[in-house]
Amino acid sequence: QEQTQSTGTGDLQGIGCCKGVVRGRVKVVRRPEEVYQSEGDILVTTSTDPGWVTIFPSISGILVERGSLLSHAAIVSREMGIPCVVGISGLTSRLKTGDLVEMDGEKGIVNILEQDER
């Protein structure tokens, strides 16, 4: 995971909830129990609830398919200072675990830098 400066208009667009630009590998997770080792990964999921909070300290960014500025992931990411983008249509069908992305939590932009072999 690296802190960088965002470039481009983004392959995916959502609502930026907590500022910060992060580059890293994504981990697509449907339920919090599925996370076994996520240190520094960028979490990709459809939605979050309070059951996800224990995972947040070990991740470098949060990308969520559903949500708004007042959704769970948005509020908790701001409290914890973790870059976050929510409301990204088609997110979990576009990204797979292992893909390399750069996300901008302020602009709501996600650039796909490298896609893992399917």
Protein backbone atom coordinates (compact mmCIF):
# COMPACT_ATOMS: atom_id res chain seq x y z
CA GLN A 1 0.00 0.00 0.00
CA GLU A 2 1.32 3.42 -0.94
CA GLN A 3 0.09 6.96 -0.43
CA THR A 4 0.22 8.68 -3.82
CA GLN A 5 -1.45 11.47 -5.76
CA SER A 6 -4.50 10.63 -7.86
CA THR A 7 -4.33 10.86 -11.65
CA GLY A 8 -6.95 10.35 -14.36
CA THR A 9 -10.72 10.36 -14.31
CA GLY A 10 -11.10 6.83 -12.98
CA ASP A 11 -12.28 3.49 -14.26
CA LEU A 12 -14.92 3.41 -11.52
CA GLN A 13 -16.69 6.37 -9.93
CA GLY A 14 -18.58 6.67 -6.66
CA ILE A 15 -19.03 9.04 -3.73
CA GLY A 16 -15.82 10.06 -1.97
CA CYS A 17 -16.34 9.81 1.80
CA CYS A 18 -12.92 10.08 3.43
CA LYS A 19 -9.96 11.72 1.74
CA GLY A 20 -6.73 9.96 0.93
CA VAL A 21 -5.18 8.38 -2.13
CA VAL A 22 -4.13 4.76 -1.72
CA ARG A 23 -2.65 2.21 -4.11
CA GLY A 24 -2.98 -1.46 -3.22
CA ARG A 25 -4.39 -4.92 -3.88
CA VAL A 26 -8.10 -5.43 -3.39
CA LYS A 27 -9.77 -8.12 -1.35
CA VAL A 28 -13.38 -8.77 -2.38
CA VAL A 29 -15.35 -9.90 0.67
CA ARG A 30 -19.07 -10.65 0.99
CA ARG A 31 -19.17 -11.20 4.79
CA PRO A 32 -16.76 -10.07 7.53
CA GLU A 33 -16.11 -13.71 8.52
CA GLU A 34 -14.40 -14.24 5.13
CA VAL A 35 -11.50 -11.93 6.00
CA TYR A 36 -8.55 -13.96 7.23
CA GLN A 37 -5.55 -11.80 6.30
CA SER A 38 -6.17 -8.29 5.05
CA GLU A 39 -3.24 -6.23 6.35
CA GLY A 40 -2.92 -3.26 4.01
CA ASP A 41 -5.47 -4.51 1.48
CA ILE A 42 -8.24 -2.37 0.04
CA LEU A 43 -11.56 -3.87 1.13
CA VAL A 44 -14.15 -4.31 -1.65
CA THR A 45 -17.71 -5.27 -0.69
CA THR A 46 -21.38 -4.65 -1.44
CA SER A 47 -22.21 -3.04 1.94
CA THR A 48 -21.07 -2.95 5.57
CA ASP A 49 -22.68 -2.91 9.02
CA PRO A 50 -21.29 -2.79 12.59
CA GLY A 51 -20.01 -6.39 12.25
CA TRP A 52 -17.29 -5.13 9.87
CA VAL A 53 -15.69 -2.62 12.26
CA THR A 54 -13.06 -5.04 13.62
CA ILE A 55 -11.61 -5.42 10.10
CA PHE A 56 -11.24 -1.70 9.38
CA PRO A 57 -8.03 -1.01 11.40
CA SER A 58 -6.01 -3.47 9.26
CA ILE A 59 -7.09 -2.22 5.81
CA SER A 60 -5.76 0.72 3.80
CA GLY A 61 -8.99 1.66 1.98
CA ILE A 62 -12.67 0.81 1.62
CA LEU A 63 -14.65 0.50 -1.64
CA VAL A 64 -18.37 -0.22 -1.32
CA GLU A 65 -20.91 -0.95 -4.06
CA ARG A 66 -23.88 0.53 -2.18
CA GLY A 67 -24.17 3.47 0.16
CA SER A 68 -24.14 7.23 0.57
CA LEU A 69 -22.33 9.83 2.67
CA LEU A 70 -24.46 8.70 5.62
CA SER A 71 -23.98 4.94 5.18
CA HIS A 72 -22.14 2.82 7.73
CA ALA A 73 -18.86 2.52 5.80
CA ALA A 74 -18.78 6.25 5.09
CA ILE A 75 -19.31 7.28 8.71
CA VAL A 76 -16.88 4.78 10.24
CA SER A 77 -14.16 5.45 7.63
CA ARG A 78 -14.30 9.17 8.44
CA GLU A 79 -14.05 8.41 12.17
CA MET A 80 -11.03 6.14 11.57
CA GLY A 81 -9.39 8.20 8.81
CA ILE A 82 -9.50 5.40 6.22
CA PRO A 83 -9.93 6.47 2.57
CA CYS A 84 -13.38 5.36 1.41
CA VAL A 85 -15.55 5.47 -1.72
CA VAL A 86 -19.17 4.24 -1.64
CA GLY A 87 -21.98 3.93 -4.19
CA ILE A 88 -19.78 2.41 -6.91
CA SER A 89 -22.15 0.77 -9.38
CA GLY A 90 -20.96 -2.67 -10.59
CA LEU A 91 -17.98 -2.68 -8.22
CA THR A 92 -18.01 -6.34 -7.21
CA SER A 93 -18.45 -7.52 -10.80
CA ARG A 94 -15.54 -5.37 -12.06
CA LEU A 95 -12.95 -6.10 -9.37
CA LYS A 96 -11.59 -9.41 -8.14
CA THR A 97 -9.32 -10.24 -5.22
CA GLY A 98 -5.72 -9.49 -6.18
CA ASP A 99 -6.45 -6.63 -8.61
CA LEU A 100 -4.22 -3.59 -8.16
CA VAL A 101 -6.08 -0.28 -7.88
CA GLU A 102 -5.50 3.31 -6.94
CA MET A 103 -8.38 4.95 -5.10
CA ASP A 104 -9.03 8.59 -4.26
CA GLY A 105 -11.29 8.83 -1.22
CA GLU A 106 -11.98 12.51 -1.76
CA LYS A 107 -12.81 12.51 -5.49
CA GLY A 108 -14.58 9.13 -5.45
CA ILE A 109 -12.34 7.76 -8.20
CA VAL A 110 -10.95 4.23 -8.58
CA ASN A 111 -8.32 3.51 -11.24
CA ILE A 112 -7.75 -0.15 -12.13
CA LEU A 113 -3.99 -0.49 -12.59
CA GLU A 114 -3.67 -4.25 -13.02
CA GLN A 115 -6.24 -7.03 -13.12
CA ASP A 116 -5.33 -10.41 -11.68
CA GLU A 117 -5.66 -13.41 -13.99
CA ARG A 118 -9.25 -14.65 -13.77
